[in-house]
Amino acid sequence: MKRFFQEFREFALRGNVMSLAVGMLIGMAFQAVVTSLTDNILSPLIGLLIGQNFDALTWDVMGVSLGYGAFITAVLNFIIMAFVAFLIVRTMNKLQSAKEQEAEASERHCPFCQTQLHLEAVRCPACTSEVAAGG
């Protein structure tokens, strides 16, 4: 049992798990902001257009009240969150692509073993072959 808890502690304190936890906390805080945006700004503005509180829109069917206004608000929350996530991922991909292109511009391959070399290298660290600098 002691070993089990030791393994769990090692798992929980890994960098990836801690990064995930921090990301989830930031995501929850961002969700609260987006929910406030839709509940307090977007829904009232839409309500102005239709003449009543948008969140309170319901449809009564055989004694059951369907709150479609609240559902549409939740869909707006999702669309805003998905759009922001898309923008973040898109930006990160562009930054990663630029970083990879920069790395490719400063490296070349050894003609003998295909190990990546810096442009200025004159000897391959893997196979120790002499290679022309910058070529």
Protein backbone atom coordinates (compact mmCIF):
# COMPACT_ATOMS: atom_id res chain seq x y z
CA MET A 1 0.00 0.00 0.00
CA LYS A 2 2.89 2.34 0.77
CA ARG A 3 4.31 1.72 -2.70
CA PHE A 4 0.92 2.53 -4.25
CA PHE A 5 0.82 5.94 -2.54
CA GLN A 6 4.43 6.59 -3.50
CA GLU A 7 3.62 5.87 -7.17
CA PHE A 8 0.54 8.08 -6.96
CA ARG A 9 2.56 10.92 -5.47
CA GLU A 10 5.18 10.63 -8.23
CA PHE A 11 2.40 10.67 -10.83
CA ALA A 12 0.60 13.64 -9.29
CA LEU A 13 3.74 15.73 -8.98
CA ARG A 14 4.95 15.19 -12.55
CA GLY A 15 5.23 18.33 -14.65
CA ASN A 16 2.52 17.27 -17.11
CA VAL A 17 -0.06 16.67 -14.39
CA MET A 18 0.69 19.99 -12.71
CA SER A 19 0.51 21.80 -16.07
CA LEU A 20 -2.84 20.15 -16.75
CA ALA A 21 -4.14 21.23 -13.34
CA VAL A 22 -3.06 24.82 -13.90
CA GLY A 23 -4.58 24.77 -17.39
CA MET A 24 -7.87 23.50 -16.03
CA LEU A 25 -7.96 26.22 -13.38
CA ILE A 26 -7.32 28.90 -15.98
CA GLY A 27 -9.94 27.31 -18.24
CA MET A 28 -12.54 27.34 -15.47
CA ALA A 29 -11.81 31.00 -14.73
CA PHE A 30 -12.07 31.82 -18.44
CA GLN A 31 -15.36 29.93 -18.66
CA ALA A 32 -16.72 32.09 -15.84
CA VAL A 33 -15.77 35.21 -17.81
CA VAL A 34 -17.41 33.90 -20.99
CA THR A 35 -20.54 32.87 -19.09
CA SER A 36 -20.74 36.33 -17.58
CA LEU A 37 -20.29 37.86 -21.04
CA THR A 38 -23.17 35.88 -22.50
CA ASP A 39 -25.46 36.13 -19.44
CA ASN A 40 -24.90 39.81 -18.68
CA ILE A 41 -24.14 41.39 -22.06
CA LEU A 42 -25.08 39.24 -25.07
CA SER A 43 -28.35 37.82 -23.76
CA PRO A 44 -29.71 41.23 -22.68
CA LEU A 45 -28.74 42.70 -26.06
CA ILE A 46 -30.56 39.89 -27.85
CA GLY A 47 -33.41 40.41 -25.40
CA LEU A 48 -33.65 44.02 -26.54
CA LEU A 49 -34.19 42.81 -30.08
CA ILE A 50 -36.99 40.39 -29.17
CA GLY A 51 -38.50 42.50 -26.41
CA GLN A 52 -37.95 40.27 -23.37
CA ASN A 53 -35.28 38.62 -21.25
CA PHE A 54 -33.62 36.13 -23.56
CA ASP A 55 -32.63 33.67 -20.83
CA ALA A 56 -36.22 33.47 -19.64
CA LEU A 57 -37.60 32.32 -22.99
CA THR A 58 -39.49 29.08 -22.51
CA TRP A 59 -41.84 26.92 -24.47
CA ASP A 60 -44.61 25.19 -22.54
CA VAL A 61 -45.52 21.78 -23.90
CA MET A 62 -48.17 19.72 -22.08
CA GLY A 63 -47.29 21.20 -18.70
CA VAL A 64 -43.51 20.94 -19.22
CA SER A 65 -41.49 24.12 -19.58
CA LEU A 66 -38.59 23.91 -22.07
CA GLY A 67 -36.04 26.68 -21.43
CA TYR A 68 -34.73 27.18 -24.94
CA GLY A 69 -33.38 30.66 -24.12
CA ALA A 70 -31.01 29.19 -21.52
CA PHE A 71 -30.03 26.47 -24.00
CA ILE A 72 -29.19 29.02 -26.69
CA THR A 73 -27.13 30.92 -24.12
CA ALA A 74 -25.18 27.73 -23.36
CA VAL A 75 -24.62 27.22 -27.11
CA LEU A 76 -23.29 30.80 -27.35
CA ASN A 77 -20.94 30.06 -24.44
CA PHE A 78 -19.68 26.98 -26.26
CA ILE A 79 -19.16 28.83 -29.55
CA ILE A 80 -17.21 31.61 -27.84
CA MET A 81 -15.05 29.12 -25.89
CA ALA A 82 -14.42 27.02 -29.02
CA PHE A 83 -13.49 30.11 -31.04
CA VAL A 84 -11.02 31.32 -28.41
CA ALA A 85 -9.51 27.82 -28.13
CA PHE A 86 -9.19 27.75 -31.94
CA LEU A 87 -7.39 31.11 -31.92
CA ILE A 88 -5.00 29.96 -29.19
CA VAL A 89 -4.18 26.67 -30.94
CA ARG A 90 -3.80 28.45 -34.28
CA THR A 91 -1.40 30.98 -32.78
CA MET A 92 0.61 28.28 -31.03
CA ASN A 93 0.86 26.27 -34.28
CA LYS A 94 2.10 29.33 -36.16
CA LEU A 95 4.71 30.02 -33.48
CA GLN A 96 5.82 26.38 -33.50
CA SER A 97 6.03 26.38 -37.29
CA ALA A 98 8.14 29.54 -37.28
CA LYS A 99 10.42 28.05 -34.63
CA GLU A 100 10.84 24.84 -36.67
CA GLN A 101 11.63 26.82 -39.83
CA GLU A 102 14.22 28.82 -37.92
CA ALA A 103 15.78 25.61 -36.59
CA GLU A 104 15.83 24.08 -40.10
CA ALA A 105 17.57 27.17 -41.46
CA SER A 106 20.39 26.78 -38.92
CA GLU A 107 20.87 23.02 -39.38
CA ARG A 108 21.83 20.55 -42.05
CA HIS A 109 22.31 16.78 -42.25
CA CYS A 110 25.52 14.77 -42.27
CA PRO A 111 25.85 13.26 -45.76
CA PHE A 112 27.09 9.98 -44.25
CA CYS A 113 24.74 9.21 -41.34
CA GLN A 114 21.97 11.85 -41.73
CA THR A 115 22.47 13.24 -38.20
CA GLN A 116 21.42 16.85 -37.84
CA LEU A 117 24.39 19.24 -37.75
CA HIS A 118 24.75 22.92 -37.10
CA LEU A 119 25.59 24.88 -40.26
CA GLU A 120 29.07 25.71 -38.96
CA ALA A 121 29.96 22.13 -37.92
CA VAL A 122 33.04 20.62 -39.60
CA ARG A 123 32.76 17.15 -38.02
CA CYS A 124 29.71 14.99 -37.34
CA PRO A 125 29.31 14.16 -33.62
CA ALA A 126 27.64 10.83 -34.43
CA CYS A 127 29.91 9.26 -37.07
CA THR A 128 32.92 11.63 -36.70
CA SER A 129 33.09 12.18 -40.46
CA GLU A 130 34.55 15.44 -41.66
CA VAL A 131 31.99 17.59 -43.43
CA ALA A 132 32.39 20.90 -45.19
CA ALA A 133 31.25 23.84 -43.06
CA GLY A 134 28.07 25.52 -44.23
CA GLY A 135 27.43 23.06 -47.01
